[in-house]
Amino acid sequence: MTFDEVMNLPYGIFLSLVEQNTIQDMMQTDEGREILDKIRRFKNPRKHADLDAIRSFKGYRVEKVGEK
């Protein structure tokens, strides 16, 4: 892909290419791989959260959609 083709890409696709290039560069070092691992853990928290613990926080209340 030429420079002009890249610069004429839609904004979202351009950002995706930049992100993928950054990830590829970071995967080449141990420090970069550690950082990417931390990012993945922050982006993907536990799938099964402890709902009882969350509900025990003061001020927690359940609202149904459309109710106030």
PDB file of N, CA and C in Angstrom:
ATOM      1  N   MET A   1       0.852  -1.166   0.000  1.00  0.00           N
ATOM      2  CA  MET A   1       0.000   0.000   0.000  1.00  0.00           C
ATOM      3  C   MET A   1       0.904   1.237   0.000  1.00  0.00           C
ATOM      4  N   THR A   2       0.619   2.161  -0.880  1.00  0.00           N
ATOM      5  CA  THR A   2       1.431   3.368  -0.971  1.00  0.00           C
ATOM      6  C   THR A   2       1.025   4.369   0.113  1.00  0.00           C
ATOM      7  N   PHE A   3       1.871   5.357   0.295  1.00  0.00           N
ATOM      8  CA  PHE A   3       1.599   6.399   1.287  1.00  0.00           C
ATOM      9  C   PHE A   3       0.289   7.110   0.976  1.00  0.00           C
ATOM     10  N   ASP A   4       0.079   7.433  -0.301  1.00  0.00           N
ATOM     11  CA  ASP A   4      -1.159   8.134  -0.693  1.00  0.00           C
ATOM     12  C   ASP A   4      -2.394   7.279  -0.426  1.00  0.00           C
ATOM     13  N   GLU A   5      -2.299   5.977  -0.675  1.00  0.00           N
ATOM     14  CA  GLU A   5      -3.434   5.090  -0.410  1.00  0.00           C
ATOM     15  C   GLU A   5      -3.754   5.051   1.081  1.00  0.00           C
ATOM     16  N   VAL A   6      -2.713   4.992   1.895  1.00  0.00           N
ATOM     17  CA  VAL A   6      -2.919   4.973   3.348  1.00  0.00           C
ATOM     18  C   VAL A   6      -3.549   6.276   3.811  1.00  0.00           C
ATOM     19  N   MET A   7      -3.067   7.386   3.301  1.00  0.00           N
ATOM     20  CA  MET A   7      -3.585   8.684   3.724  1.00  0.00           C
ATOM     21  C   MET A   7      -5.017   8.927   3.246  1.00  0.00           C
ATOM     22  N   ASN A   8      -5.469   8.203   2.248  1.00  0.00           N
ATOM     23  CA  ASN A   8      -6.834   8.371   1.740  1.00  0.00           C
ATOM     24  C   ASN A   8      -7.804   7.337   2.320  1.00  0.00           C
ATOM     25  N   LEU A   9      -7.347   6.527   3.266  1.00  0.00           N
ATOM     26  CA  LEU A   9      -8.232   5.556   3.906  1.00  0.00           C
ATOM     27  C   LEU A   9      -9.230   6.265   4.812  1.00  0.00           C
ATOM     28  N   PRO A  10     -10.390   5.666   5.046  1.00  0.00           N
ATOM     29  CA  PRO A  10     -11.313   6.221   6.056  1.00  0.00           C
ATOM     30  C   PRO A  10     -10.616   6.267   7.423  1.00  0.00           C
ATOM     31  N   TYR A  11     -11.021   7.242   8.218  1.00  0.00           N
ATOM     32  CA  TYR A  11     -10.362   7.503   9.496  1.00  0.00           C
ATOM     33  C   TYR A  11     -10.301   6.264  10.389  1.00  0.00           C
ATOM     34  N   GLY A  12     -11.395   5.526  10.520  1.00  0.00           N
ATOM     35  CA  GLY A  12     -11.435   4.349  11.389  1.00  0.00           C
ATOM     36  C   GLY A  12     -10.466   3.271  10.943  1.00  0.00           C
ATOM     37  N   ILE A  13     -10.377   3.058   9.645  1.00  0.00           N
ATOM     38  CA  ILE A  13      -9.450   2.043   9.126  1.00  0.00           C
ATOM     39  C   ILE A  13      -8.007   2.495   9.337  1.00  0.00           C
ATOM     40  N   PHE A  14      -7.741   3.779   9.133  1.00  0.00           N
ATOM     41  CA  PHE A  14      -6.403   4.312   9.371  1.00  0.00           C
ATOM     42  C   PHE A  14      -5.982   4.102  10.826  1.00  0.00           C
ATOM     43  N   LEU A  15      -6.890   4.422  11.766  1.00  0.00           N
ATOM     44  CA  LEU A  15      -6.566   4.229  13.183  1.00  0.00           C
ATOM     45  C   LEU A  15      -6.336   2.764  13.508  1.00  0.00           C
ATOM     46  N   SER A  16      -7.089   1.880  12.878  1.00  0.00           N
ATOM     47  CA  SER A  16      -6.905   0.448  13.085  1.00  0.00           C
ATOM     48  C   SER A  16      -5.519   0.009  12.616  1.00  0.00           C
ATOM     49  N   LEU A  17      -5.082   0.520  11.478  1.00  0.00           N
ATOM     50  CA  LEU A  17      -3.743   0.196  10.987  1.00  0.00           C
ATOM     51  C   LEU A  17      -2.658   0.704  11.932  1.00  0.00           C
ATOM     52  N   VAL A  18      -2.848   1.908  12.444  1.00  0.00           N
ATOM     53  CA  VAL A  18      -1.878   2.472  13.394  1.00  0.00           C
ATOM     54  C   VAL A  18      -1.819   1.608  14.648  1.00  0.00           C
ATOM     55  N   GLU A  19      -2.985   1.193  15.159  1.00  0.00           N
ATOM     56  CA  GLU A  19      -3.047   0.356  16.355  1.00  0.00           C
ATOM     57  C   GLU A  19      -2.342  -0.978  16.113  1.00  0.00           C
ATOM     58  N   GLN A  20      -2.631  -1.613  14.990  1.00  0.00           N
ATOM     59  CA  GLN A  20      -2.018  -2.904  14.685  1.00  0.00           C
ATOM     60  C   GLN A  20      -0.505  -2.778  14.529  1.00  0.00           C
ATOM     61  N   ASN A  21      -0.038  -1.693  13.946  1.00  0.00           N
ATOM     62  CA  ASN A  21       1.395  -1.468  13.804  1.00  0.00           C
ATOM     63  C   ASN A  21       2.054  -1.267  15.163  1.00  0.00           C
ATOM     64  N   THR A  22       1.395  -0.521  16.034  1.00  0.00           N
ATOM     65  CA  THR A  22       1.923  -0.300  17.385  1.00  0.00           C
ATOM     66  C   THR A  22       2.006  -1.613  18.148  1.00  0.00           C
ATOM     67  N   ILE A  23       0.971  -2.423  18.062  1.00  0.00           N
ATOM     68  CA  ILE A  23       0.963  -3.724  18.741  1.00  0.00           C
ATOM     69  C   ILE A  23       2.079  -4.603  18.203  1.00  0.00           C
ATOM     70  N   GLN A  24       2.244  -4.628  16.893  1.00  0.00           N
ATOM     71  CA  GLN A  24       3.295  -5.440  16.282  1.00  0.00           C
ATOM     72  C   GLN A  24       4.677  -4.996  16.771  1.00  0.00           C
ATOM     73  N   ASP A  25       4.898  -3.682  16.857  1.00  0.00           N
ATOM     74  CA  ASP A  25       6.177  -3.174  17.366  1.00  0.00           C
ATOM     75  C   ASP A  25       6.383  -3.563  18.827  1.00  0.00           C
ATOM     76  N   MET A  26       5.323  -3.473  19.642  1.00  0.00           N
ATOM     77  CA  MET A  26       5.454  -3.788  21.069  1.00  0.00           C
ATOM     78  C   MET A  26       5.687  -5.272  21.310  1.00  0.00           C
ATOM     79  N   MET A  27       5.178  -6.133  20.428  1.00  0.00           N
ATOM     80  CA  MET A  27       5.358  -7.572  20.593  1.00  0.00           C
ATOM     81  C   MET A  27       6.808  -8.008  20.407  1.00  0.00           C
ATOM     82  N   GLN A  28       7.655  -7.136  19.903  1.00  0.00           N
ATOM     83  CA  GLN A  28       9.037  -7.492  19.631  1.00  0.00           C
ATOM     84  C   GLN A  28       9.941  -7.393  20.860  1.00  0.00           C
ATOM     85  N   THR A  29       9.470  -6.782  21.945  1.00  0.00           N
ATOM     86  CA  THR A  29      10.287  -6.667  23.159  1.00  0.00           C
ATOM     87  C   THR A  29       9.562  -7.292  24.341  1.00  0.00           C
ATOM     88  N   ASP A  30      10.331  -7.723  25.328  1.00  0.00           N
ATOM     89  CA  ASP A  30       9.733  -8.296  26.537  1.00  0.00           C
ATOM     90  C   ASP A  30       8.897  -7.258  27.273  1.00  0.00           C
ATOM     91  N   GLU A  31       9.424  -6.038  27.370  1.00  0.00           N
ATOM     92  CA  GLU A  31       8.692  -4.979  28.068  1.00  0.00           C
ATOM     93  C   GLU A  31       7.375  -4.663  27.360  1.00  0.00           C
ATOM     94  N   GLY A  32       7.410  -4.621  26.028  1.00  0.00           N
ATOM     95  CA  GLY A  32       6.200  -4.363  25.262  1.00  0.00           C
ATOM     96  C   GLY A  32       5.165  -5.457  25.447  1.00  0.00           C
ATOM     97  N   ARG A  33       5.620  -6.718  25.479  1.00  0.00           N
ATOM     98  CA  ARG A  33       4.682  -7.828  25.687  1.00  0.00           C
ATOM     99  C   ARG A  33       4.054  -7.762  27.071  1.00  0.00           C
ATOM    100  N   GLU A  34       4.831  -7.351  28.076  1.00  0.00           N
ATOM    101  CA  GLU A  34       4.277  -7.204  29.432  1.00  0.00           C
ATOM    102  C   GLU A  34       3.205  -6.116  29.455  1.00  0.00           C
ATOM    103  N   ILE A  35       3.471  -5.005  28.792  1.00  0.00           N
ATOM    104  CA  ILE A  35       2.499  -3.910  28.754  1.00  0.00           C
ATOM    105  C   ILE A  35       1.226  -4.349  28.044  1.00  0.00           C
ATOM    106  N   LEU A  36       1.360  -5.042  26.910  1.00  0.00           N
ATOM    107  CA  LEU A  36       0.182  -5.520  26.182  1.00  0.00           C
ATOM    108  C   LEU A  36      -0.619  -6.513  27.011  1.00  0.00           C
ATOM    109  N   ASP A  37       0.079  -7.353  27.791  1.00  0.00           N
ATOM    110  CA  ASP A  37      -0.616  -8.305  28.656  1.00  0.00           C
ATOM    111  C   ASP A  37      -1.438  -7.575  29.713  1.00  0.00           C
ATOM    112  N   LYS A  38      -0.869  -6.524  30.290  1.00  0.00           N
ATOM    113  CA  LYS A  38      -1.600  -5.730  31.289  1.00  0.00           C
ATOM    114  C   LYS A  38      -2.818  -5.055  30.652  1.00  0.00           C
ATOM    115  N   ILE A  39      -2.652  -4.533  29.448  1.00  0.00           N
ATOM    116  CA  ILE A  39      -3.771  -3.882  28.758  1.00  0.00           C
ATOM    117  C   ILE A  39      -4.891  -4.884  28.516  1.00  0.00           C
ATOM    118  N   ARG A  40      -4.533  -6.094  28.078  1.00  0.00           N
ATOM    119  CA  ARG A  40      -5.560  -7.110  27.823  1.00  0.00           C
ATOM    120  C   ARG A  40      -6.310  -7.469  29.102  1.00  0.00           C
ATOM    121  N   ARG A  41      -5.576  -7.545  30.224  1.00  0.00           N
ATOM    122  CA  ARG A  41      -6.245  -7.866  31.487  1.00  0.00           C
ATOM    123  C   ARG A  41      -7.177  -6.751  31.915  1.00  0.00           C
ATOM    124  N   PHE A  42      -6.801  -5.491  31.699  1.00  0.00           N
ATOM    125  CA  PHE A  42      -7.669  -4.375  32.070  1.00  0.00           C
ATOM    126  C   PHE A  42      -8.888  -4.294  31.165  1.00  0.00           C
ATOM    127  N   LYS A  43      -8.717  -4.634  29.893  1.00  0.00           N
ATOM    128  CA  LYS A  43      -9.841  -4.587  28.957  1.00  0.00           C
ATOM    129  C   LYS A  43     -10.799  -5.751  29.151  1.00  0.00           C
ATOM    130  N   ASN A  44     -10.311  -6.869  29.690  1.00  0.00           N
ATOM    131  CA  ASN A  44     -11.123  -8.070  29.852  1.00  0.00           C
ATOM    132  C   ASN A  44     -11.191  -8.466  31.321  1.00  0.00           C
ATOM    133  N   PRO A  45     -11.983  -7.739  32.105  1.00  0.00           N
ATOM    134  CA  PRO A  45     -12.089  -8.115  33.518  1.00  0.00           C
ATOM    135  C   PRO A  45     -12.802  -9.459  33.664  1.00  0.00           C
ATOM    136  N   ARG A  46     -12.838  -9.936  34.884  1.00  0.00           N
ATOM    137  CA  ARG A  46     -13.480 -11.235  35.121  1.00  0.00           C
ATOM    138  C   ARG A  46     -14.856 -11.272  34.497  1.00  0.00           C
ATOM    139  N   LYS A  47     -15.182 -12.405  33.902  1.00  0.00           N
ATOM    140  CA  LYS A  47     -16.485 -12.531  33.245  1.00  0.00           C
ATOM    141  C   LYS A  47     -17.596 -12.749  34.255  1.00  0.00           C
ATOM    142  N   HIS A  48     -17.267 -13.328  35.385  1.00  0.00           N
ATOM    143  CA  HIS A  48     -18.288 -13.634  36.386  1.00  0.00           C
ATOM    144  C   HIS A  48     -18.010 -12.796  37.635  1.00  0.00           C
ATOM    145  N   ALA A  49     -18.509 -11.576  37.624  1.00  0.00           N
ATOM    146  CA  ALA A  49     -18.300 -10.681  38.752  1.00  0.00           C
ATOM    147  C   ALA A  49     -19.135 -11.139  39.942  1.00  0.00           C
ATOM    148  N   ASP A  50     -18.671 -10.815  41.128  1.00  0.00           N
ATOM    149  CA  ASP A  50     -19.381 -11.141  42.356  1.00  0.00           C
ATOM    150  C   ASP A  50     -20.494 -10.104  42.545  1.00  0.00           C
ATOM    151  N   LEU A  51     -21.677 -10.407  42.041  1.00  0.00           N
ATOM    152  CA  LEU A  51     -22.776  -9.438  42.067  1.00  0.00           C
ATOM    153  C   LEU A  51     -23.210  -9.106  43.486  1.00  0.00           C
ATOM    154  N   ASP A  52     -23.148 -10.073  44.406  1.00  0.00           N
ATOM    155  CA  ASP A  52     -23.516  -9.783  45.794  1.00  0.00           C
ATOM    156  C   ASP A  52     -22.573  -8.750  46.402  1.00  0.00           C
ATOM    157  N   ALA A  53     -21.292  -8.841  46.088  1.00  0.00           N
ATOM    158  CA  ALA A  53     -20.329  -7.864  46.592  1.00  0.00           C
ATOM    159  C   ALA A  53     -20.602  -6.484  45.999  1.00  0.00           C
ATOM    160  N   ILE A  54     -20.945  -6.442  44.721  1.00  0.00           N
ATOM    161  CA  ILE A  54     -21.250  -5.163  44.085  1.00  0.00           C
ATOM    162  C   ILE A  54     -22.504  -4.554  44.702  1.00  0.00           C
ATOM    163  N   ARG A  55     -23.507  -5.371  44.933  1.00  0.00           N
ATOM    164  CA  ARG A  55     -24.766  -4.872  45.497  1.00  0.00           C
ATOM    165  C   ARG A  55     -24.623  -4.427  46.941  1.00  0.00           C
ATOM    166  N   SER A  56     -23.591  -4.902  47.628  1.00  0.00           N
ATOM    167  CA  SER A  56     -23.400  -4.519  49.027  1.00  0.00           C
ATOM    168  C   SER A  56     -22.857  -3.096  49.165  1.00  0.00           C
ATOM    169  N   PHE A  57     -22.374  -2.510  48.059  1.00  0.00           N
ATOM    170  CA  PHE A  57     -21.886  -1.135  48.135  1.00  0.00           C
ATOM    171  C   PHE A  57     -23.031  -0.196  48.470  1.00  0.00           C
ATOM    172  N   LYS A  58     -22.739   0.789  49.300  1.00  0.00           N
ATOM    173  CA  LYS A  58     -23.758   1.749  49.695  1.00  0.00           C
ATOM    174  C   LYS A  58     -24.193   2.557  48.468  1.00  0.00           C
ATOM    175  N   GLY A  59     -25.463   2.730  48.322  1.00  0.00           N
ATOM    176  CA  GLY A  59     -25.997   3.521  47.231  1.00  0.00           C
ATOM    177  C   GLY A  59     -26.327   2.716  45.998  1.00  0.00           C
ATOM    178  N   TYR A  60     -26.058   1.414  46.037  1.00  0.00           N
ATOM    179  CA  TYR A  60     -26.386   0.580  44.871  1.00  0.00           C
ATOM    180  C   TYR A  60     -27.878   0.335  44.840  1.00  0.00           C
ATOM    181  N   ARG A  61     -28.479   0.499  43.675  1.00  0.00           N
ATOM    182  CA  ARG A  61     -29.886   0.174  43.525  1.00  0.00           C
ATOM    183  C   ARG A  61     -30.114  -0.307  42.091  1.00  0.00           C
ATOM    184  N   VAL A  62     -31.130  -1.114  41.944  1.00  0.00           N
ATOM    185  CA  VAL A  62     -31.470  -1.669  40.638  1.00  0.00           C
ATOM    186  C   VAL A  62     -32.615  -0.855  40.060  1.00  0.00           C
ATOM    187  N   GLU A  63     -32.444  -0.408  38.824  1.00  0.00           N
ATOM    188  CA  GLU A  63     -33.505   0.298  38.132  1.00  0.00           C
ATOM    189  C   GLU A  63     -33.788  -0.446  36.843  1.00  0.00           C
ATOM    190  N   LYS A  64     -35.037  -0.614  36.557  1.00  0.00           N
ATOM    191  CA  LYS A  64     -35.416  -1.237  35.292  1.00  0.00           C
ATOM    192  C   LYS A  64     -35.452  -0.160  34.230  1.00  0.00           C
ATOM    193  N   VAL A  65     -35.204  -0.568  33.009  1.00  0.00           N
ATOM    194  CA  VAL A  65     -35.205   0.372  31.894  1.00  0.00           C
ATOM    195  C   VAL A  65     -36.567   1.027  31.790  1.00  0.00           C
ATOM    196  N   GLY A  66     -36.575   2.357  31.684  1.00  0.00           N
ATOM    197  CA  GLY A  66     -37.831   3.099  31.557  1.00  0.00           C
ATOM    198  C   GLY A  66     -38.369   3.580  32.880  1.00  0.00           C
ATOM    199  N   GLU A  67     -37.817   3.118  34.018  1.00  0.00           N
ATOM    200  CA  GLU A  67     -38.272   3.579  35.333  1.00  0.00           C
ATOM    201  C   GLU A  67     -37.322   4.632  35.851  1.00  0.00           C
ATOM    202  N   LYS A  68     -37.845   5.477  36.725  1.00  0.00           N
ATOM    203  CA  LYS A  68     -37.001   6.503  37.324  1.00  0.00           C
ATOM    204  C   LYS A  68     -36.998   6.362  38.823  1.00  0.00           C
TER     205      LYS A  68
END
